[in-house]
Amino acid sequence: MSLMAADQTWAAEAACSQVDPDSLFVRGAAQRQVRQVCFSCPVRLNCLADALDSETSFGVWGGLTERERRALLRRYPDETDWYTRLMSSDDPIAQDLRAGRVPRLGLR
């Protein structure tokens, strides 16, 4: 687990820190609506990296739904430091995420 993911002090700055947590753990299409909160969040990539490092299964984290995160984990099964990948990789997926866009992950 990366140092950034292990240190969760970023959570206090999250846009959702004052939102009812139950509203973030919805199912299906409602997840796409919930993630809009994430795209205004200053610590969105920290949140996403933490969720990917810990393989969090439920809810919207860092702007990605459960299904999107599973697809990302399948694409990079050997990744051990998601924060570094998200912040510095030239990969088009990381670039999209840094730019505040939902990446095309080829979900099926």
Foldseek 3Di string as FASTA:
>chain_A
DDPLLVDPPCLVQFLCNVPDVVQQFDDDPSNQVVLVSLLVGPCLQSFLQNCLLVVPQTGAGSSDHNQLSVLVCVVCVPDNGSSCCLPDNPPPCSVCSVVSHHDDSPGD
